[in-house]
Amino acid sequence: MQPEFWHERWHTGQIGFHQPTVDRNLKRHWPTLNLGRGSRVLVPLCGKSLDMIWLRDQGHTVVGVELSAVALEAFCLENGVAARRRVQGSFDIYEAANLQLFRGDFFALTAVLLGDIAAVYDRGALVSWAPEQRAAYVAHLASVLGAGAQMLLNVLEYPQTQMPGPPFSVSLDEVRALYSPKFKVQEIARQDVLATEPRLRSRGVTELSEVCCHLVRL
């Protein structure tokens, strides 16, 4: 989707994609990554996700990237984060203890800016990209990660004809096609979540699975 779409969503409060609680797959599967305390964790298209607070509470340094200043300022205000803001290149960077939030274009990120990222947490980034944008997103993500970096990736599978995204349906086969050969991809969980997603049911979806994958940068 174009930047204007997301700016409009945040300015008008159309943020049904925001979860008011920490994601269940994150809490269940993140410990299997066995990351050390202090590891840098990238959260692309982070919005104001509470998952970042949870990750920081696990002892990680959380690095978020988000297009909307409205989202990042809401995150800081709602969570009592006393962030300092500075400008570096094309980014506004909000910084607090074990937290660094980049406000700007994801495609302007570099490995130098991000530092040594040990893992990526993607709950809503991949499924927010239209099909023609996904390959570029994955290629850029791979370019800022070193060998051995891990990823916990959540995607949704549903009949795409039933609802226009976002969130878009991304099948496991497409995940493998997008991320291979630069990543090892493994499905670690699959769950029918239609009953717990009234927002998507109201948009016409009759089948809905949430798929959680573990990836490793090769």
N, C-alpha and C. Protein backbone atom coordinates (compact mmCIF):
# COMPACT_ATOMS: atom_id res chain seq x y z
N MET A 1 0.84 -1.19 0.00
CA MET A 1 0.00 0.00 0.00
C MET A 1 0.89 1.25 0.00
N GLN A 2 0.35 2.36 -0.50
CA GLN A 2 1.11 3.60 -0.58
C GLN A 2 1.18 4.27 0.78
N PRO A 3 2.25 5.08 1.02
CA PRO A 3 2.39 5.75 2.32
C PRO A 3 1.16 6.55 2.73
N GLU A 4 0.50 7.20 1.76
CA GLU A 4 -0.66 8.02 2.08
C GLU A 4 -1.78 7.20 2.71
N PHE A 5 -1.90 5.95 2.30
CA PHE A 5 -2.93 5.06 2.86
C PHE A 5 -2.73 4.89 4.35
N TRP A 6 -1.46 4.63 4.77
CA TRP A 6 -1.18 4.38 6.19
C TRP A 6 -1.25 5.67 7.00
N HIS A 7 -0.79 6.78 6.43
CA HIS A 7 -0.91 8.05 7.14
C HIS A 7 -2.38 8.36 7.42
N GLU A 8 -3.22 8.12 6.43
CA GLU A 8 -4.66 8.38 6.60
C GLU A 8 -5.26 7.47 7.67
N ARG A 9 -4.86 6.21 7.68
CA ARG A 9 -5.37 5.28 8.69
C ARG A 9 -5.05 5.76 10.10
N TRP A 10 -3.81 6.18 10.31
CA TRP A 10 -3.41 6.62 11.65
C TRP A 10 -4.05 7.94 12.02
N HIS A 11 -4.14 8.86 11.09
CA HIS A 11 -4.73 10.17 11.40
C HIS A 11 -6.22 10.07 11.68
N THR A 12 -6.90 9.11 11.06
CA THR A 12 -8.35 8.96 11.27
C THR A 12 -8.69 7.88 12.28
N GLY A 13 -7.68 7.23 12.85
CA GLY A 13 -7.92 6.21 13.87
C GLY A 13 -8.47 4.91 13.32
N GLN A 14 -8.28 4.65 12.03
CA GLN A 14 -8.74 3.39 11.44
C GLN A 14 -7.63 2.34 11.61
N ILE A 15 -7.46 1.87 12.85
CA ILE A 15 -6.32 1.00 13.17
C ILE A 15 -6.82 -0.32 13.78
N GLY A 16 -7.78 -0.94 13.09
CA GLY A 16 -8.28 -2.23 13.55
C GLY A 16 -7.21 -3.30 13.58
N PHE A 17 -6.10 -3.07 12.88
CA PHE A 17 -4.98 -4.02 12.88
C PHE A 17 -4.19 -3.99 14.18
N HIS A 18 -4.38 -2.93 14.98
CA HIS A 18 -3.64 -2.83 16.25
C HIS A 18 -4.25 -3.78 17.28
N GLN A 19 -3.40 -4.60 17.90
CA GLN A 19 -3.86 -5.52 18.92
C GLN A 19 -3.73 -4.88 20.30
N PRO A 20 -4.80 -4.93 21.13
CA PRO A 20 -4.74 -4.30 22.45
C PRO A 20 -4.00 -5.13 23.49
N THR A 21 -3.55 -6.31 23.10
CA THR A 21 -2.80 -7.18 24.01
C THR A 21 -1.57 -7.71 23.29
N VAL A 22 -0.65 -8.29 24.05
CA VAL A 22 0.54 -8.90 23.46
C VAL A 22 0.14 -10.14 22.68
N ASP A 23 0.74 -10.33 21.52
CA ASP A 23 0.37 -11.44 20.64
C ASP A 23 0.66 -12.80 21.28
N ARG A 24 -0.29 -13.71 21.17
CA ARG A 24 -0.15 -15.02 21.81
C ARG A 24 0.96 -15.85 21.18
N ASN A 25 1.15 -15.74 19.86
CA ASN A 25 2.23 -16.49 19.22
C ASN A 25 3.59 -15.98 19.65
N LEU A 26 3.68 -14.69 19.88
CA LEU A 26 4.94 -14.12 20.35
C LEU A 26 5.31 -14.72 21.70
N LYS A 27 4.39 -14.71 22.64
CA LYS A 27 4.68 -15.23 23.98
C LYS A 27 4.95 -16.73 23.96
N ARG A 28 4.27 -17.44 23.07
CA ARG A 28 4.41 -18.90 23.04
C ARG A 28 5.70 -19.34 22.36
N HIS A 29 6.08 -18.67 21.28
CA HIS A 29 7.17 -19.19 20.45
C HIS A 29 8.47 -18.40 20.53
N TRP A 30 8.44 -17.17 21.02
CA TRP A 30 9.68 -16.40 21.07
C TRP A 30 10.76 -17.08 21.90
N PRO A 31 10.43 -17.69 23.05
CA PRO A 31 11.51 -18.31 23.84
C PRO A 31 12.29 -19.38 23.09
N THR A 32 11.71 -19.98 22.03
CA THR A 32 12.42 -21.02 21.29
C THR A 32 13.59 -20.46 20.48
N LEU A 33 13.66 -19.13 20.32
CA LEU A 33 14.77 -18.54 19.59
C LEU A 33 16.05 -18.50 20.43
N ASN A 34 15.89 -18.62 21.75
CA ASN A 34 17.04 -18.69 22.66
C ASN A 34 18.00 -17.52 22.48
N LEU A 35 17.46 -16.33 22.45
CA LEU A 35 18.29 -15.14 22.31
C LEU A 35 18.82 -14.69 23.66
N GLY A 36 20.03 -14.18 23.66
CA GLY A 36 20.60 -13.66 24.89
C GLY A 36 20.04 -12.29 25.23
N ARG A 37 20.13 -11.91 26.50
CA ARG A 37 19.72 -10.59 26.93
C ARG A 37 20.59 -9.54 26.23
N GLY A 38 19.96 -8.46 25.84
CA GLY A 38 20.67 -7.42 25.12
C GLY A 38 20.65 -7.57 23.61
N SER A 39 20.15 -8.70 23.11
CA SER A 39 20.07 -8.91 21.66
C SER A 39 19.18 -7.84 21.03
N ARG A 40 19.59 -7.37 19.86
CA ARG A 40 18.80 -6.35 19.15
C ARG A 40 17.73 -7.04 18.31
N VAL A 41 16.49 -6.60 18.50
CA VAL A 41 15.34 -7.20 17.82
C VAL A 41 14.66 -6.14 16.97
N LEU A 42 14.53 -6.40 15.68
CA LEU A 42 13.89 -5.48 14.75
C LEU A 42 12.41 -5.82 14.62
N VAL A 43 11.57 -4.77 14.74
CA VAL A 43 10.13 -4.92 14.54
C VAL A 43 9.74 -4.00 13.38
N PRO A 44 9.63 -4.54 12.15
CA PRO A 44 9.29 -3.70 11.00
C PRO A 44 7.82 -3.32 11.00
N LEU A 45 7.54 -2.08 10.55
CA LEU A 45 6.17 -1.56 10.49
C LEU A 45 5.48 -1.76 11.84
N CYS A 46 6.12 -1.23 12.87
CA CYS A 46 5.76 -1.60 14.25
C CYS A 46 4.50 -0.95 14.77
N GLY A 47 4.05 0.17 14.17
CA GLY A 47 2.89 0.86 14.71
C GLY A 47 3.12 1.24 16.16
N LYS A 48 2.11 0.99 17.00
CA LYS A 48 2.26 1.23 18.44
C LYS A 48 2.12 -0.09 19.20
N SER A 49 2.63 -1.14 18.61
CA SER A 49 2.43 -2.50 19.12
C SER A 49 2.94 -2.69 20.54
N LEU A 50 2.09 -3.28 21.38
CA LEU A 50 2.48 -3.64 22.74
C LEU A 50 3.51 -4.77 22.74
N ASP A 51 3.64 -5.46 21.64
CA ASP A 51 4.64 -6.52 21.54
C ASP A 51 6.05 -5.97 21.78
N MET A 52 6.27 -4.70 21.44
CA MET A 52 7.59 -4.11 21.66
C MET A 52 7.91 -3.97 23.14
N ILE A 53 6.90 -3.65 23.93
CA ILE A 53 7.10 -3.56 25.38
C ILE A 53 7.43 -4.94 25.94
N TRP A 54 6.72 -5.95 25.47
CA TRP A 54 6.97 -7.32 25.93
C TRP A 54 8.38 -7.75 25.58
N LEU A 55 8.80 -7.48 24.36
CA LEU A 55 10.16 -7.85 23.93
C LEU A 55 11.21 -7.13 24.76
N ARG A 56 10.98 -5.87 25.04
CA ARG A 56 11.94 -5.13 25.88
C ARG A 56 11.98 -5.73 27.29
N ASP A 57 10.83 -6.14 27.78
CA ASP A 57 10.78 -6.74 29.12
C ASP A 57 11.52 -8.08 29.19
N GLN A 58 11.76 -8.71 28.03
CA GLN A 58 12.53 -9.95 28.00
C GLN A 58 14.03 -9.68 28.02
N GLY A 59 14.41 -8.42 28.05
CA GLY A 59 15.82 -8.07 28.11
C GLY A 59 16.44 -7.69 26.79
N HIS A 60 15.60 -7.56 25.73
CA HIS A 60 16.12 -7.21 24.41
C HIS A 60 16.18 -5.70 24.21
N THR A 61 17.01 -5.27 23.28
CA THR A 61 16.97 -3.91 22.78
C THR A 61 16.08 -3.94 21.54
N VAL A 62 14.99 -3.21 21.58
CA VAL A 62 13.99 -3.26 20.51
C VAL A 62 14.20 -2.11 19.55
N VAL A 63 14.24 -2.45 18.26
CA VAL A 63 14.42 -1.47 17.20
C VAL A 63 13.19 -1.53 16.30
N GLY A 64 12.35 -0.51 16.37
CA GLY A 64 11.15 -0.47 15.55
C GLY A 64 11.31 0.48 14.38
N VAL A 65 10.58 0.22 13.32
CA VAL A 65 10.54 1.18 12.20
C VAL A 65 9.08 1.36 11.81
N GLU A 66 8.68 2.60 11.62
CA GLU A 66 7.28 2.93 11.37
C GLU A 66 7.20 4.22 10.55
N LEU A 67 6.27 4.27 9.62
CA LEU A 67 6.11 5.43 8.76
C LEU A 67 5.43 6.59 9.48
N SER A 68 4.52 6.28 10.40
CA SER A 68 3.66 7.29 10.99
C SER A 68 4.20 7.83 12.32
N ALA A 69 4.39 9.14 12.39
CA ALA A 69 4.76 9.77 13.66
C ALA A 69 3.61 9.67 14.65
N VAL A 70 2.38 9.68 14.17
CA VAL A 70 1.22 9.54 15.05
C VAL A 70 1.30 8.23 15.83
N ALA A 71 1.68 7.16 15.15
CA ALA A 71 1.78 5.84 15.79
C ALA A 71 2.85 5.83 16.86
N LEU A 72 4.02 6.36 16.54
CA LEU A 72 5.12 6.30 17.50
C LEU A 72 4.89 7.22 18.69
N GLU A 73 4.30 8.38 18.45
CA GLU A 73 4.01 9.27 19.58
C GLU A 73 2.93 8.67 20.47
N ALA A 74 1.95 7.98 19.88
CA ALA A 74 0.93 7.31 20.68
C ALA A 74 1.55 6.17 21.49
N PHE A 75 2.46 5.44 20.88
CA PHE A 75 3.14 4.36 21.60
C PHE A 75 3.84 4.90 22.84
N CYS A 76 4.59 5.96 22.68
CA CYS A 76 5.34 6.53 23.80
C CYS A 76 4.38 7.06 24.87
N LEU A 77 3.35 7.78 24.46
CA LEU A 77 2.41 8.37 25.41
C LEU A 77 1.64 7.30 26.17
N GLU A 78 1.13 6.30 25.47
CA GLU A 78 0.28 5.29 26.09
C GLU A 78 1.05 4.33 26.98
N ASN A 79 2.35 4.21 26.75
CA ASN A 79 3.16 3.27 27.54
C ASN A 79 4.13 3.96 28.49
N GLY A 80 3.99 5.27 28.63
CA GLY A 80 4.84 5.99 29.55
C GLY A 80 6.31 5.95 29.18
N VAL A 81 6.60 5.92 27.88
CA VAL A 81 7.99 5.87 27.41
C VAL A 81 8.51 7.30 27.23
N ALA A 82 9.49 7.67 28.03
CA ALA A 82 10.07 9.01 27.95
C ALA A 82 11.17 9.01 26.90
N ALA A 83 10.77 9.12 25.64
CA ALA A 83 11.73 9.02 24.54
C ALA A 83 12.30 10.38 24.17
N ARG A 84 13.55 10.39 23.82
CA ARG A 84 14.20 11.57 23.25
C ARG A 84 14.16 11.43 21.73
N ARG A 85 13.92 12.53 21.05
CA ARG A 85 13.84 12.48 19.59
C ARG A 85 15.02 13.22 18.97
N ARG A 86 15.63 12.58 17.98
CA ARG A 86 16.70 13.23 17.23
C ARG A 86 16.54 12.90 15.76
N VAL A 87 17.20 13.65 14.94
CA VAL A 87 17.12 13.45 13.49
C VAL A 87 18.45 12.88 13.00
N GLN A 88 18.35 11.81 12.18
CA GLN A 88 19.53 11.26 11.54
C GLN A 88 19.18 10.92 10.10
N GLY A 89 19.76 11.64 9.18
CA GLY A 89 19.42 11.43 7.78
C GLY A 89 17.95 11.69 7.53
N SER A 90 17.27 10.74 6.94
CA SER A 90 15.84 10.91 6.63
C SER A 90 14.93 10.41 7.74
N PHE A 91 15.51 10.02 8.87
CA PHE A 91 14.73 9.45 9.97
C PHE A 91 14.64 10.39 11.17
N ASP A 92 13.47 10.42 11.79
CA ASP A 92 13.33 10.87 13.16
C ASP A 92 13.50 9.63 14.03
N ILE A 93 14.36 9.69 15.02
CA ILE A 93 14.63 8.52 15.86
C ILE A 93 14.21 8.84 17.29
N TYR A 94 13.30 8.02 17.82
CA TYR A 94 12.84 8.14 19.20
C TYR A 94 13.62 7.12 20.03
N GLU A 95 14.29 7.60 21.08
CA GLU A 95 15.15 6.71 21.86
C GLU A 95 14.80 6.75 23.33
N ALA A 96 14.78 5.58 23.94
CA ALA A 96 14.61 5.42 25.38
C ALA A 96 15.43 4.20 25.78
N ALA A 97 15.38 3.84 27.05
CA ALA A 97 16.17 2.70 27.52
C ALA A 97 15.79 1.44 26.74
N ASN A 98 16.78 0.84 26.07
CA ASN A 98 16.60 -0.41 25.32
C ASN A 98 15.51 -0.31 24.25
N LEU A 99 15.36 0.88 23.70
CA LEU A 99 14.32 1.11 22.70
C LEU A 99 14.77 2.17 21.71
N GLN A 100 14.67 1.86 20.42
CA GLN A 100 15.03 2.79 19.36
C GLN A 100 13.99 2.67 18.26
N LEU A 101 13.27 3.75 17.99
CA LEU A 101 12.18 3.74 17.02
C LEU A 101 12.50 4.69 15.88
N PHE A 102 12.56 4.15 14.67
CA PHE A 102 12.86 4.94 13.47
C PHE A 102 11.57 5.34 12.79
N ARG A 103 11.34 6.65 12.66
CA ARG A 103 10.16 7.14 11.94
C ARG A 103 10.60 7.52 10.54
N GLY A 104 10.17 6.71 9.56
CA GLY A 104 10.57 6.99 8.20
C GLY A 104 10.33 5.78 7.30
N ASP A 105 10.94 5.83 6.14
CA ASP A 105 10.75 4.82 5.09
C ASP A 105 11.56 3.57 5.40
N PHE A 106 10.89 2.45 5.49
CA PHE A 106 11.57 1.18 5.74
C PHE A 106 12.70 0.94 4.75
N PHE A 107 12.51 1.34 3.50
CA PHE A 107 13.50 1.07 2.45
C PHE A 107 14.73 1.96 2.56
N ALA A 108 14.70 2.93 3.46
CA ALA A 108 15.88 3.76 3.70
C ALA A 108 16.75 3.21 4.82
N LEU A 109 16.32 2.16 5.48
CA LEU A 109 17.12 1.55 6.54
C LEU A 109 18.36 0.89 5.94
N THR A 110 19.44 0.92 6.72
CA THR A 110 20.67 0.24 6.32
C THR A 110 21.16 -0.60 7.48
N ALA A 111 22.03 -1.55 7.18
CA ALA A 111 22.62 -2.37 8.23
C ALA A 111 23.43 -1.52 9.20
N VAL A 112 24.06 -0.46 8.70
CA VAL A 112 24.84 0.43 9.56
C VAL A 112 23.93 1.14 10.56
N LEU A 113 22.79 1.65 10.09
CA LEU A 113 21.84 2.32 10.97
C LEU A 113 21.29 1.39 12.04
N LEU A 114 20.97 0.17 11.65
CA LEU A 114 20.29 -0.76 12.55
C LEU A 114 21.23 -1.43 13.55
N GLY A 115 22.48 -1.60 13.17
CA GLY A 115 23.38 -2.36 14.02
C GLY A 115 23.19 -3.85 13.82
N ASP A 116 23.73 -4.63 14.73
CA ASP A 116 23.72 -6.09 14.62
C ASP A 116 22.38 -6.63 15.11
N ILE A 117 21.48 -6.89 14.17
CA ILE A 117 20.15 -7.40 14.51
C ILE A 117 20.22 -8.91 14.69
N ALA A 118 19.82 -9.37 15.88
CA ALA A 118 19.84 -10.81 16.16
C ALA A 118 18.57 -11.50 15.69
N ALA A 119 17.45 -10.75 15.68
CA ALA A 119 16.19 -11.37 15.33
C ALA A 119 15.20 -10.32 14.85
N VAL A 120 14.22 -10.78 14.09
CA VAL A 120 13.13 -9.94 13.58
C VAL A 120 11.82 -10.52 14.07
N TYR A 121 10.93 -9.64 14.49
CA TYR A 121 9.57 -10.07 14.82
C TYR A 121 8.61 -9.39 13.86
N ASP A 122 7.93 -10.17 13.04
CA ASP A 122 7.01 -9.65 12.02
C ASP A 122 5.64 -10.26 12.24
N ARG A 123 4.76 -9.49 12.89
CA ARG A 123 3.38 -9.94 13.05
C ARG A 123 2.48 -9.35 11.97
N GLY A 124 2.73 -8.11 11.59
CA GLY A 124 1.81 -7.46 10.67
C GLY A 124 2.45 -6.80 9.47
N ALA A 125 3.76 -6.95 9.29
CA ALA A 125 4.42 -6.24 8.20
C ALA A 125 4.19 -6.93 6.85
N LEU A 126 4.56 -8.19 6.74
CA LEU A 126 4.44 -8.86 5.45
C LEU A 126 3.00 -8.84 4.94
N VAL A 127 2.04 -9.06 5.83
CA VAL A 127 0.63 -9.12 5.40
C VAL A 127 0.06 -7.75 5.08
N SER A 128 0.83 -6.69 5.33
CA SER A 128 0.35 -5.35 5.00
C SER A 128 0.75 -4.93 3.59
N TRP A 129 1.68 -5.65 2.99
CA TRP A 129 2.16 -5.30 1.65
C TRP A 129 1.28 -5.95 0.58
N ALA A 130 0.93 -5.18 -0.43
CA ALA A 130 0.24 -5.75 -1.59
C ALA A 130 1.17 -6.73 -2.30
N PRO A 131 0.61 -7.69 -3.04
CA PRO A 131 1.44 -8.73 -3.65
C PRO A 131 2.63 -8.20 -4.44
N GLU A 132 2.45 -7.12 -5.19
CA GLU A 132 3.53 -6.62 -6.03
C GLU A 132 4.64 -5.93 -5.23
N GLN A 133 4.42 -5.70 -3.94
CA GLN A 133 5.41 -5.02 -3.11
C GLN A 133 6.21 -5.97 -2.24
N ARG A 134 5.75 -7.20 -2.11
CA ARG A 134 6.34 -8.10 -1.11
C ARG A 134 7.78 -8.49 -1.41
N ALA A 135 8.08 -8.77 -2.67
CA ALA A 135 9.44 -9.21 -2.99
C ALA A 135 10.46 -8.13 -2.65
N ALA A 136 10.13 -6.87 -2.90
CA ALA A 136 11.05 -5.77 -2.59
C ALA A 136 11.22 -5.65 -1.08
N TYR A 137 10.13 -5.81 -0.34
CA TYR A 137 10.21 -5.76 1.13
C TYR A 137 11.14 -6.84 1.67
N VAL A 138 10.95 -8.06 1.20
CA VAL A 138 11.76 -9.19 1.69
C VAL A 138 13.22 -9.01 1.29
N ALA A 139 13.47 -8.55 0.07
CA ALA A 139 14.84 -8.35 -0.39
C ALA A 139 15.55 -7.30 0.47
N HIS A 140 14.85 -6.22 0.79
CA HIS A 140 15.49 -5.18 1.61
C HIS A 140 15.71 -5.67 3.03
N LEU A 141 14.75 -6.40 3.56
CA LEU A 141 14.92 -6.96 4.90
C LEU A 141 16.15 -7.87 4.94
N ALA A 142 16.28 -8.73 3.95
CA ALA A 142 17.44 -9.62 3.91
C ALA A 142 18.74 -8.85 3.83
N SER A 143 18.72 -7.69 3.17
CA SER A 143 19.95 -6.91 2.97
C SER A 143 20.47 -6.28 4.25
N VAL A 144 19.62 -6.13 5.26
CA VAL A 144 20.07 -5.49 6.51
C VAL A 144 20.34 -6.50 7.61
N LEU A 145 20.23 -7.78 7.28
CA LEU A 145 20.43 -8.83 8.28
C LEU A 145 21.69 -9.64 7.96
N GLY A 146 22.40 -10.03 9.00
CA GLY A 146 23.56 -10.89 8.83
C GLY A 146 23.19 -12.35 8.93
N ALA A 147 24.09 -13.21 8.51
CA ALA A 147 23.86 -14.65 8.59
C ALA A 147 23.59 -15.05 10.03
N GLY A 148 22.60 -15.92 10.19
CA GLY A 148 22.25 -16.41 11.52
C GLY A 148 21.13 -15.64 12.19
N ALA A 149 20.78 -14.46 11.68
CA ALA A 149 19.67 -13.71 12.26
C ALA A 149 18.38 -14.53 12.12
N GLN A 150 17.60 -14.54 13.18
CA GLN A 150 16.36 -15.33 13.19
C GLN A 150 15.15 -14.42 12.99
N MET A 151 14.02 -15.04 12.67
CA MET A 151 12.78 -14.29 12.51
C MET A 151 11.61 -15.13 12.97
N LEU A 152 10.69 -14.48 13.69
CA LEU A 152 9.39 -15.06 13.99
C LEU A 152 8.39 -14.31 13.14
N LEU A 153 7.73 -15.02 12.24
CA LEU A 153 6.85 -14.42 11.24
C LEU A 153 5.44 -14.99 11.37
N ASN A 154 4.46 -14.11 11.48
CA ASN A 154 3.06 -14.51 11.48
C ASN A 154 2.41 -14.06 10.18
N VAL A 155 1.67 -14.95 9.54
CA VAL A 155 0.89 -14.58 8.36
C VAL A 155 -0.52 -15.12 8.51
N LEU A 156 -1.41 -14.58 7.69
CA LEU A 156 -2.80 -15.03 7.65
C LEU A 156 -3.07 -15.70 6.31
N GLU A 157 -3.83 -16.78 6.36
CA GLU A 157 -4.29 -17.46 5.14
C GLU A 157 -5.80 -17.45 5.12
N TYR A 158 -6.37 -16.90 4.05
CA TYR A 158 -7.82 -16.91 3.84
C TYR A 158 -8.06 -16.76 2.34
N PRO A 159 -9.27 -17.05 1.85
CA PRO A 159 -9.54 -16.87 0.42
C PRO A 159 -9.46 -15.38 0.06
N GLN A 160 -8.43 -14.98 -0.67
CA GLN A 160 -8.21 -13.57 -0.95
C GLN A 160 -9.38 -12.93 -1.68
N THR A 161 -10.13 -13.72 -2.42
CA THR A 161 -11.28 -13.18 -3.16
C THR A 161 -12.39 -12.71 -2.22
N GLN A 162 -12.36 -13.16 -0.97
CA GLN A 162 -13.43 -12.79 -0.04
C GLN A 162 -13.24 -11.40 0.56
N MET A 163 -12.02 -10.87 0.54
CA MET A 163 -11.77 -9.60 1.19
C MET A 163 -10.55 -8.94 0.58
N PRO A 164 -10.63 -7.65 0.25
CA PRO A 164 -9.42 -6.95 -0.16
C PRO A 164 -8.57 -6.63 1.06
N GLY A 165 -7.26 -6.81 0.95
CA GLY A 165 -6.40 -6.47 2.08
C GLY A 165 -6.21 -4.97 2.18
N PRO A 166 -5.45 -4.53 3.14
CA PRO A 166 -4.78 -5.33 4.18
C PRO A 166 -5.70 -5.66 5.34
N PRO A 167 -5.38 -6.68 6.15
CA PRO A 167 -4.25 -7.59 5.95
C PRO A 167 -4.52 -8.52 4.77
N PHE A 168 -3.48 -8.79 4.01
CA PHE A 168 -3.58 -9.68 2.86
C PHE A 168 -3.34 -11.12 3.28
N SER A 169 -3.88 -12.02 2.50
CA SER A 169 -3.60 -13.44 2.69
C SER A 169 -2.24 -13.76 2.07
N VAL A 170 -1.39 -14.41 2.85
CA VAL A 170 -0.07 -14.84 2.36
C VAL A 170 0.09 -16.31 2.73
N SER A 171 0.12 -17.18 1.74
CA SER A 171 0.19 -18.61 2.01
C SER A 171 1.60 -19.02 2.42
N LEU A 172 1.69 -20.19 3.03
CA LEU A 172 3.01 -20.73 3.38
C LEU A 172 3.85 -20.94 2.14
N ASP A 173 3.24 -21.38 1.05
CA ASP A 173 4.00 -21.56 -0.19
C ASP A 173 4.59 -20.23 -0.67
N GLU A 174 3.83 -19.14 -0.52
CA GLU A 174 4.36 -17.85 -0.92
C GLU A 174 5.47 -17.39 0.01
N VAL A 175 5.33 -17.66 1.30
CA VAL A 175 6.40 -17.33 2.24
C VAL A 175 7.70 -18.01 1.81
N ARG A 176 7.60 -19.30 1.50
CA ARG A 176 8.80 -20.04 1.07
C ARG A 176 9.37 -19.46 -0.22
N ALA A 177 8.50 -19.11 -1.16
CA ALA A 177 8.97 -18.56 -2.43
C ALA A 177 9.64 -17.21 -2.24
N LEU A 178 9.10 -16.39 -1.33
CA LEU A 178 9.64 -15.05 -1.10
C LEU A 178 10.98 -15.09 -0.38
N TYR A 179 11.08 -15.93 0.65
CA TYR A 179 12.24 -15.87 1.54
C TYR A 179 13.38 -16.81 1.14
N SER A 180 13.08 -17.87 0.42
CA SER A 180 14.16 -18.74 -0.06
C SER A 180 14.76 -18.10 -1.31
N PRO A 181 16.07 -18.25 -1.55
CA PRO A 181 17.01 -19.09 -0.79
C PRO A 181 17.80 -18.34 0.27
N LYS A 182 17.40 -17.12 0.63
CA LYS A 182 18.17 -16.35 1.60
C LYS A 182 17.84 -16.70 3.05
N PHE A 183 16.75 -17.43 3.24
CA PHE A 183 16.34 -17.83 4.57
C PHE A 183 15.94 -19.31 4.58
N LYS A 184 16.19 -19.94 5.70
CA LYS A 184 15.59 -21.24 5.97
C LYS A 184 14.23 -20.98 6.59
N VAL A 185 13.19 -21.64 6.08
CA VAL A 185 11.81 -21.38 6.51
C VAL A 185 11.20 -22.64 7.10
N GLN A 186 10.61 -22.52 8.29
CA GLN A 186 9.95 -23.65 8.94
C GLN A 186 8.63 -23.20 9.55
N GLU A 187 7.54 -23.88 9.18
CA GLU A 187 6.26 -23.63 9.86
C GLU A 187 6.32 -24.25 11.24
N ILE A 188 5.94 -23.47 12.27
CA ILE A 188 5.97 -24.00 13.62
C ILE A 188 4.60 -24.06 14.28
N ALA A 189 3.62 -23.39 13.70
CA ALA A 189 2.27 -23.45 14.28
C ALA A 189 1.25 -23.00 13.25
N ARG A 190 0.07 -23.59 13.33
CA ARG A 190 -1.05 -23.21 12.45
C ARG A 190 -2.33 -23.35 13.26
N GLN A 191 -3.18 -22.33 13.19
CA GLN A 191 -4.39 -22.34 14.00
C GLN A 191 -5.54 -21.67 13.26
N ASP A 192 -6.72 -22.28 13.34
CA ASP A 192 -7.94 -21.68 12.81
C ASP A 192 -8.35 -20.57 13.79
N VAL A 193 -8.36 -19.32 13.32
CA VAL A 193 -8.65 -18.20 14.21
C VAL A 193 -9.90 -17.42 13.79
N LEU A 194 -10.72 -18.00 12.92
CA LEU A 194 -11.91 -17.30 12.42
C LEU A 194 -12.82 -16.86 13.57
N ALA A 195 -12.98 -17.73 14.56
CA ALA A 195 -13.90 -17.42 15.65
C ALA A 195 -13.46 -16.23 16.48
N THR A 196 -12.16 -15.94 16.47
CA THR A 196 -11.63 -14.85 17.31
C THR A 196 -11.39 -13.57 16.51
N GLU A 197 -11.84 -13.54 15.25
CA GLU A 197 -11.60 -12.37 14.39
C GLU A 197 -12.91 -11.82 13.83
N PRO A 198 -13.76 -11.22 14.68
CA PRO A 198 -15.04 -10.69 14.19
C PRO A 198 -14.87 -9.60 13.14
N ARG A 199 -13.77 -8.83 13.21
CA ARG A 199 -13.55 -7.76 12.24
C ARG A 199 -13.41 -8.32 10.83
N LEU A 200 -12.68 -9.44 10.70
CA LEU A 200 -12.50 -10.04 9.38
C LEU A 200 -13.74 -10.81 8.94
N ARG A 201 -14.44 -11.42 9.90
CA ARG A 201 -15.70 -12.08 9.54
C ARG A 201 -16.69 -11.06 8.98
N SER A 202 -16.72 -9.88 9.57
CA SER A 202 -17.66 -8.85 9.11
C SER A 202 -17.32 -8.37 7.71
N ARG A 203 -16.09 -8.61 7.28
CA ARG A 203 -15.67 -8.21 5.92
C ARG A 203 -15.86 -9.35 4.92
N GLY A 204 -16.46 -10.46 5.37
CA GLY A 204 -16.82 -11.53 4.45
C GLY A 204 -15.94 -12.76 4.49
N VAL A 205 -14.97 -12.80 5.37
CA VAL A 205 -14.05 -13.95 5.42
C VAL A 205 -14.75 -15.13 6.11
N THR A 206 -14.69 -16.31 5.48
CA THR A 206 -15.33 -17.51 6.04
C THR A 206 -14.32 -18.59 6.44
N GLU A 207 -13.07 -18.42 6.06
CA GLU A 207 -12.00 -19.33 6.45
C GLU A 207 -10.78 -18.49 6.79
N LEU A 208 -10.16 -18.77 7.94
CA LEU A 208 -9.03 -17.95 8.36
C LEU A 208 -8.08 -18.75 9.24
N SER A 209 -6.84 -18.87 8.79
CA SER A 209 -5.81 -19.55 9.58
C SER A 209 -4.67 -18.58 9.85
N GLU A 210 -4.12 -18.68 11.05
CA GLU A 210 -2.93 -17.92 11.40
C GLU A 210 -1.76 -18.90 11.39
N VAL A 211 -0.71 -18.57 10.66
CA VAL A 211 0.44 -19.45 10.51
C VAL A 211 1.67 -18.74 11.07
N CYS A 212 2.38 -19.43 11.93
CA CYS A 212 3.59 -18.88 12.55
C CYS A 212 4.80 -19.64 12.01
N CYS A 213 5.80 -18.90 11.56
CA CYS A 213 6.99 -19.50 10.96
C CYS A 213 8.25 -19.02 11.66
N HIS A 214 9.24 -19.90 11.68
CA HIS A 214 10.58 -19.55 12.18
C HIS A 214 11.52 -19.52 10.98
N LEU A 215 12.24 -18.43 10.82
CA LEU A 215 13.16 -18.28 9.71
C LEU A 215 14.56 -18.00 10.23
N VAL A 216 15.56 -18.40 9.46
CA VAL A 216 16.96 -18.12 9.79
C VAL A 216 17.63 -17.59 8.53
N ARG A 217 18.32 -16.46 8.66
CA ARG A 217 19.04 -15.87 7.53
C ARG A 217 20.27 -16.74 7.23
N LEU A 218 20.40 -17.14 5.97
CA LEU A 218 21.50 -18.01 5.55
C LEU A 218 22.71 -17.18 5.12
